[in-house]
Each structure stands twice: as structure tokens, then as C-alpha cells.
PDB file of N, CA and C in Angstrom:
ATOM      1  N   MET A   1     188.430 174.880  41.386  1.00  0.00           N
ATOM      2  CA  MET A   1     187.856 173.593  41.519  1.00  0.00           C
ATOM      3  C   MET A   1     187.010 173.559  40.232  1.00  0.00           C
ATOM      4  N   SER A   2     187.098 172.297  39.627  1.00  0.00           N
ATOM      5  CA  SER A   2     186.660 171.847  38.389  1.00  0.00           C
ATOM      6  C   SER A   2     184.981 171.637  38.526  1.00  0.00           C
ATOM      7  N   THR A   3     184.532 172.240  37.691  1.00  0.00           N
ATOM      8  CA  THR A   3     183.011 172.434  37.314  1.00  0.00           C
ATOM      9  C   THR A   3     182.581 172.289  36.247  1.00  0.00           C
ATOM     10  N   GLY A   4     181.306 171.933  36.061  1.00  0.00           N
ATOM     11  CA  GLY A   4     180.507 171.892  34.833  1.00  0.00           C
ATOM     12  C   GLY A   4     180.762 170.673  33.759  1.00  0.00           C
ATOM     13  N   ASP A   5     180.275 170.531  32.727  1.00  0.00           N
ATOM     14  CA  ASP A   5     180.580 169.261  31.793  1.00  0.00           C
ATOM     15  C   ASP A   5     181.883 169.094  31.339  1.00  0.00           C
ATOM     16  N   PRO A   6     182.480 168.071  31.100  1.00  0.00           N
ATOM     17  CA  PRO A   6     184.069 167.804  30.797  1.00  0.00           C
ATOM     18  C   PRO A   6     184.083 168.508  29.292  1.00  0.00           C
ATOM     19  N   VAL A   7     185.155 169.185  28.969  1.00  0.00           N
ATOM     20  CA  VAL A   7     185.561 169.430  27.417  1.00  0.00           C
ATOM     21  C   VAL A   7     186.198 168.094  27.024  1.00  0.00           C
ATOM     22  N   VAL A   8     185.634 167.692  25.550  1.00  0.00           N
ATOM     23  CA  VAL A   8     186.282 166.394  25.303  1.00  0.00           C
ATOM     24  C   VAL A   8     187.122 166.765  24.134  1.00  0.00           C
ATOM     25  N   THR A   9     188.292 165.935  24.055  1.00  0.00           N
ATOM     26  CA  THR A   9     189.232 165.976  22.930  1.00  0.00           C
ATOM     27  C   THR A   9     189.990 164.710  22.818  1.00  0.00           C
ATOM     28  N   THR A  10     190.533 164.546  21.881  1.00  0.00           N
ATOM     29  CA  THR A  10     191.280 163.242  21.358  1.00  0.00           C
ATOM     30  C   THR A  10     192.682 163.256  22.085  1.00  0.00           C
ATOM     31  N   ALA A  11     193.329 161.932  22.180  1.00  0.00           N
ATOM     32  CA  ALA A  11     194.576 161.979  22.772  1.00  0.00           C
ATOM     33  C   ALA A  11     195.589 162.502  21.925  1.00  0.00           C
ATOM     34  N   GLY A  12     195.316 162.724  20.420  1.00  0.00           N
ATOM     35  CA  GLY A  12     196.396 163.121  19.796  1.00  0.00           C
ATOM     36  C   GLY A  12     196.256 164.838  19.808  1.00  0.00           C
ATOM     37  N   GLU A  13     195.038 165.133  19.923  1.00  0.00           N
ATOM     38  CA  GLU A  13     194.661 166.537  20.055  1.00  0.00           C
ATOM     39  C   GLU A  13     195.329 167.331  21.707  1.00  0.00           C
ATOM     40  N   LEU A  14     195.227 166.232  22.557  1.00  0.00           N
ATOM     41  CA  LEU A  14     195.868 166.537  23.620  1.00  0.00           C
ATOM     42  C   LEU A  14     197.374 166.694  23.737  1.00  0.00           C
ATOM     43  N   VAL A  15     198.097 165.905  22.983  1.00  0.00           N
ATOM     44  CA  VAL A  15     199.252 166.012  22.826  1.00  0.00           C
ATOM     45  C   VAL A  15     199.903 167.377  21.966  1.00  0.00           C
ATOM     46  N   ARG A  16     199.140 167.895  20.935  1.00  0.00           N
ATOM     47  CA  ARG A  16     199.431 168.444  20.166  1.00  0.00           C
ATOM     48  C   ARG A  16     199.381 170.263  21.016  1.00  0.00           C
ATOM     49  N   GLN A  17     198.146 169.994  21.871  1.00  0.00           N
ATOM     50  CA  GLN A  17     197.852 171.424  22.588  1.00  0.00           C
ATOM     51  C   GLN A  17     197.536 171.024  24.025  1.00  0.00           C
ATOM     52  N   PHE A  18     198.664 170.433  24.644  1.00  0.00           N
ATOM     53  CA  PHE A  18     198.483 170.225  26.008  1.00  0.00           C
ATOM     54  C   PHE A  18     198.473 171.247  26.897  1.00  0.00           C
ATOM     55  N   SER A  19     199.109 172.221  26.711  1.00  0.00           N
ATOM     56  CA  SER A  19     199.225 173.584  27.506  1.00  0.00           C
ATOM     57  C   SER A  19     197.586 174.229  27.483  1.00  0.00           C
ATOM     58  N   HIS A  20     197.054 174.160  26.180  1.00  0.00           N
ATOM     59  CA  HIS A  20     195.827 174.722  26.223  1.00  0.00           C
ATOM     60  C   HIS A  20     194.684 173.822  26.971  1.00  0.00           C
ATOM     61  N   TYR A  21     194.918 172.680  26.903  1.00  0.00           N
ATOM     62  CA  TYR A  21     194.010 171.524  27.477  1.00  0.00           C
ATOM     63  C   TYR A  21     194.135 171.734  29.308  1.00  0.00           C
ATOM     64  N   SER A  22     195.469 171.557  29.543  1.00  0.00           N
ATOM     65  CA  SER A  22     195.824 171.842  30.894  1.00  0.00           C
ATOM     66  C   SER A  22     195.392 173.243  31.508  1.00  0.00           C
ATOM     67  N   ASP A  23     195.326 174.175  31.028  1.00  0.00           N
ATOM     68  CA  ASP A  23     194.726 175.391  31.357  1.00  0.00           C
ATOM     69  C   ASP A  23     193.103 175.261  31.683  1.00  0.00           C
ATOM     70  N   ILE A  24     192.663 174.700  30.503  1.00  0.00           N
ATOM     71  CA  ILE A  24     191.074 174.519  30.847  1.00  0.00           C
ATOM     72  C   ILE A  24     190.843 173.436  31.971  1.00  0.00           C
ATOM     73  N   ALA A  25     191.814 172.542  32.166  1.00  0.00           N
ATOM     74  CA  ALA A  25     191.611 171.472  33.452  1.00  0.00           C
ATOM     75  C   ALA A  25     191.492 172.348  34.647  1.00  0.00           C
ATOM     76  N   LEU A  26     191.868 173.161  34.590  1.00  0.00           N
ATOM     77  CA  LEU A  26     192.033 174.205  35.866  1.00  0.00           C
ATOM     78  C   LEU A  26     190.623 174.515  36.453  1.00  0.00           C
ATOM     79  N   LYS A  27     189.625 174.612  35.238  1.00  0.00           N
ATOM     80  CA  LYS A  27     188.361 174.991  35.563  1.00  0.00           C
ATOM     81  C   LYS A  27     187.183 173.891  35.380  1.00  0.00           C
ATOM     82  N   ARG A  28     187.578 172.872  34.403  1.00  0.00           N
ATOM     83  CA  ARG A  28     186.744 172.039  34.258  1.00  0.00           C
ATOM     84  C   ARG A  28     187.362 170.748  33.830  1.00  0.00           C
ATOM     85  N   PRO A  29     186.876 169.643  33.912  1.00  0.00           N
ATOM     86  CA  PRO A  29     187.417 168.426  33.663  1.00  0.00           C
ATOM     87  C   PRO A  29     187.758 168.139  32.031  1.00  0.00           C
ATOM     88  N   VAL A  30     188.800 167.511  31.447  1.00  0.00           N
ATOM     89  CA  VAL A  30     188.771 167.466  29.990  1.00  0.00           C
ATOM     90  C   VAL A  30     189.102 165.775  29.795  1.00  0.00           C
ATOM     91  N   MET A  31     188.034 165.334  29.167  1.00  0.00           N
ATOM     92  CA  MET A  31     187.899 163.926  28.833  1.00  0.00           C
ATOM     93  C   MET A  31     188.515 163.724  27.775  1.00  0.00           C
ATOM     94  N   VAL A  32     189.574 162.584  27.642  1.00  0.00           N
ATOM     95  CA  VAL A  32     190.273 162.435  26.584  1.00  0.00           C
ATOM     96  C   VAL A  32     189.884 160.946  26.076  1.00  0.00           C
ATOM     97  N   THR A  33     189.423 160.979  24.785  1.00  0.00           N
ATOM     98  CA  THR A  33     189.327 159.948  24.228  1.00  0.00           C
ATOM     99  C   THR A  33     190.392 159.166  23.137  1.00  0.00           C
ATOM    100  N   LYS A  34     190.439 158.118  23.023  1.00  0.00           N
ATOM    101  CA  LYS A  34     191.199 157.378  22.169  1.00  0.00           C
ATOM    102  C   LYS A  34     190.446 156.215  21.381  1.00  0.00           C
ATOM    103  N   ASN A  35     190.506 156.351  20.191  1.00  0.00           N
ATOM    104  CA  ASN A  35     189.499 155.639  18.948  1.00  0.00           C
ATOM    105  C   ASN A  35     188.145 155.552  19.403  1.00  0.00           C
ATOM    106  N   GLY A  36     187.648 156.980  19.499  1.00  0.00           N
ATOM    107  CA  GLY A  36     186.466 157.270  19.852  1.00  0.00           C
ATOM    108  C   GLY A  36     185.853 156.879  21.164  1.00  0.00           C
ATOM    109  N   ARG A  37     186.734 156.315  22.124  1.00  0.00           N
ATOM    110  CA  ARG A  37     186.211 155.984  23.496  1.00  0.00           C
ATOM    111  C   ARG A  37     186.668 156.792  24.769  1.00  0.00           C
ATOM    112  N   PRO A  38     186.118 156.828  25.541  1.00  0.00           N
ATOM    113  CA  PRO A  38     186.571 157.669  26.600  1.00  0.00           C
ATOM    114  C   PRO A  38     187.788 156.871  27.474  1.00  0.00           C
ATOM    115  N   ARG A  39     188.637 157.615  27.519  1.00  0.00           N
ATOM    116  CA  ARG A  39     190.128 156.894  28.076  1.00  0.00           C
ATOM    117  C   ARG A  39     190.555 157.362  29.549  1.00  0.00           C
ATOM    118  N   THR A  40     190.688 158.534  29.343  1.00  0.00           N
ATOM    119  CA  THR A  40     191.267 159.274  30.869  1.00  0.00           C
ATOM    120  C   THR A  40     190.341 160.628  30.871  1.00  0.00           C
ATOM    121  N   VAL A  41     190.727 161.184  32.249  1.00  0.00           N
ATOM    122  CA  VAL A  41     190.265 162.705  32.253  1.00  0.00           C
ATOM    123  C   VAL A  41     191.450 163.438  32.988  1.00  0.00           C
ATOM    124  N   LEU A  42     191.573 164.543  32.507  1.00  0.00           N
ATOM    125  CA  LEU A  42     192.480 165.448  33.198  1.00  0.00           C
ATOM    126  C   LEU A  42     191.825 166.532  34.080  1.00  0.00           C
ATOM    127  N   LEU A  43     192.418 166.633  35.263  1.00  0.00           N
ATOM    128  CA  LEU A  43     191.803 167.205  36.403  1.00  0.00           C
ATOM    129  C   LEU A  43     193.033 168.171  36.882  1.00  0.00           C
ATOM    130  N   SER A  44     192.070 169.351  37.482  1.00  0.00           N
ATOM    131  CA  SER A  44     193.284 170.027  38.104  1.00  0.00           C
ATOM    132  C   SER A  44     193.709 169.509  39.792  1.00  0.00           C
ATOM    133  N   VAL A  45     194.827 169.697  40.178  1.00  0.00           N
ATOM    134  CA  VAL A  45     195.231 169.112  41.625  1.00  0.00           C
ATOM    135  C   VAL A  45     194.276 169.471  42.283  1.00  0.00           C
ATOM    136  N   GLU A  46     193.814 170.497  42.396  1.00  0.00           N
ATOM    137  CA  GLU A  46     192.647 171.191  43.620  1.00  0.00           C
ATOM    138  C   GLU A  46     191.483 169.958  43.524  1.00  0.00           C
ATOM    139  N   GLU A  47     191.077 169.687  42.148  1.00  0.00           N
ATOM    140  CA  GLU A  47     189.916 168.698  42.147  1.00  0.00           C
ATOM    141  C   GLU A  47     190.202 167.127  42.238  1.00  0.00           C
ATOM    142  N   TYR A  48     191.344 166.996  42.035  1.00  0.00           N
ATOM    143  CA  TYR A  48     192.080 165.728  42.275  1.00  0.00           C
ATOM    144  C   TYR A  48     192.037 165.109  43.786  1.00  0.00           C
ATOM    145  N   GLU A  49     192.514 166.251  44.672  1.00  0.00           N
ATOM    146  CA  GLU A  49     192.815 166.317  45.991  1.00  0.00           C
ATOM    147  C   GLU A  49     191.352 166.364  46.789  1.00  0.00           C
ATOM    148  N   ARG A  50     190.433 166.954  46.320  1.00  0.00           N
ATOM    149  CA  ARG A  50     189.300 167.023  46.842  1.00  0.00           C
ATOM    150  C   ARG A  50     188.421 165.729  46.665  1.00  0.00           C
ATOM    151  N   LEU A  51     188.396 164.962  45.511  1.00  0.00           N
ATOM    152  CA  LEU A  51     187.889 163.551  45.381  1.00  0.00           C
ATOM    153  C   LEU A  51     188.697 162.958  46.019  1.00  0.00           C
ATOM    154  N   LYS A  52     189.850 162.904  46.231  1.00  0.00           N
ATOM    155  CA  LYS A  52     190.585 161.843  47.240  1.00  0.00           C
ATOM    156  C   LYS A  52     190.317 162.089  48.661  1.00  0.00           C
ATOM    157  N   ARG A  53     189.989 163.307  48.980  1.00  0.00           N
ATOM    158  CA  ARG A  53     189.695 163.371  50.496  1.00  0.00           C
ATOM    159  C   ARG A  53     188.254 162.852  50.730  1.00  0.00           C
ATOM    160  N   ARG A  54     187.434 163.091  49.644  1.00  0.00           N
ATOM    161  CA  ARG A  54     186.093 162.652  49.830  1.00  0.00           C
ATOM    162  C   ARG A  54     186.034 161.230  49.742  1.00  0.00           C
ATOM    163  N   ASP A  55     186.927 160.370  49.211  1.00  0.00           N
ATOM    164  CA  ASP A  55     186.672 159.195  49.191  1.00  0.00           C
ATOM    165  C   ASP A  55     187.537 158.623  50.394  1.00  0.00           C
ATOM    166  N   GLN A  56     188.478 159.294  50.872  1.00  0.00           N
ATOM    167  CA  GLN A  56     188.903 158.713  52.278  1.00  0.00           C
ATOM    168  C   GLN A  56     187.974 159.010  53.187  1.00  0.00           C
ATOM    169  N   GLN A  57     187.204 160.005  53.302  1.00  0.00           N
ATOM    170  CA  GLN A  57     186.222 160.466  54.324  1.00  0.00           C
ATOM    171  C   GLN A  57     185.208 159.177  54.331  1.00  0.00           C
ATOM    172  N   ALA A  58     184.681 158.915  52.978  1.00  0.00           N
ATOM    173  CA  ALA A  58     183.620 157.977  52.837  1.00  0.00           C
ATOM    174  C   ALA A  58     184.172 156.286  53.458  1.00  0.00           C
ATOM    175  N   PHE A  59     185.586 156.191  53.240  1.00  0.00           N
ATOM    176  CA  PHE A  59     186.168 154.928  53.484  1.00  0.00           C
ATOM    177  C   PHE A  59     186.202 154.864  54.970  1.00  0.00           C
ATOM    178  N   GLN A  60     186.439 156.119  55.784  1.00  0.00           N
ATOM    179  CA  GLN A  60     186.567 155.979  57.150  1.00  0.00           C
ATOM    180  C   GLN A  60     185.166 155.904  57.844  1.00  0.00           C
ATOM    181  N   ALA A  61     184.117 156.678  57.224  1.00  0.00           N
ATOM    182  CA  ALA A  61     182.701 156.296  57.650  1.00  0.00           C
ATOM    183  C   ALA A  61     182.415 154.811  57.752  1.00  0.00           C
ATOM    184  N   VAL A  62     182.621 154.243  56.581  1.00  0.00           N
ATOM    185  CA  VAL A  62     182.571 153.044  56.395  1.00  0.00           C
ATOM    186  C   VAL A  62     183.003 151.968  57.633  1.00  0.00           C
ATOM    187  N   LEU A  63     184.417 152.242  57.404  1.00  0.00           N
ATOM    188  CA  LEU A  63     185.049 151.439  58.791  1.00  0.00           C
ATOM    189  C   LEU A  63     184.344 151.896  60.028  1.00  0.00           C
ATOM    190  N   LEU A  64     184.040 152.923  60.435  1.00  0.00           N
ATOM    191  CA  LEU A  64     183.613 153.326  61.651  1.00  0.00           C
ATOM    192  C   LEU A  64     182.263 152.348  61.691  1.00  0.00           C
ATOM    193  N   GLN A  65     181.208 152.381  60.905  1.00  0.00           N
ATOM    194  CA  GLN A  65     180.130 151.737  60.759  1.00  0.00           C
ATOM    195  C   GLN A  65     180.371 150.192  61.149  1.00  0.00           C
ATOM    196  N   ILE A  66     181.385 149.742  60.587  1.00  0.00           N
ATOM    197  CA  ILE A  66     181.703 148.302  60.603  1.00  0.00           C
ATOM    198  C   ILE A  66     182.155 147.953  62.234  1.00  0.00           C
ATOM    199  N   LEU A  67     183.115 148.895  62.769  1.00  0.00           N
ATOM    200  CA  LEU A  67     183.492 148.586  64.130  1.00  0.00           C
ATOM    201  C   LEU A  67     182.467 148.895  65.058  1.00  0.00           C
ATOM    202  N   ARG A  68     181.427 149.520  64.860  1.00  0.00           N
ATOM    203  CA  ARG A  68     180.495 149.784  65.884  1.00  0.00           C
ATOM    204  C   ARG A  68     179.727 148.418  66.367  1.00  0.00           C
TER     205      ARG A  68
END
């Protein structure tokens, strides 16, 4: 599971050292900037799946409230 503040890198640096940053992303998010602005975040599959499940559960809870 990803924890902690994200590591920040540029898109160019990510391309040059993808293996390094993908290893970091197993433990914490990697925020990728382009032209000095946040653009994307690299996450572990485990963290992505956790967030996806959480969103699905929240959506289902809202649907249940609407249907009651």
C-alpha cells in the first residue's frame, strides 16, 4: 500500500529513470510534473485497486440512500 507524501519528479526524469520511480511507487505515490505543474500520479496496482474499491463502495452507499 502506498503511504506518505508523494515523491515529485518531472516527466523527463520519469522517462529516464522509470524503473527507479516505479519501485518507489510500490511504497508511495510519485507525482509527475510537466512544465512545473502536477500532471499525473504513479501508484502501485495495490493502491489503485484499494482506491477503486473505496470509490465503488461509496457509490453503492449513495445509491442505497437514494433507493430508500
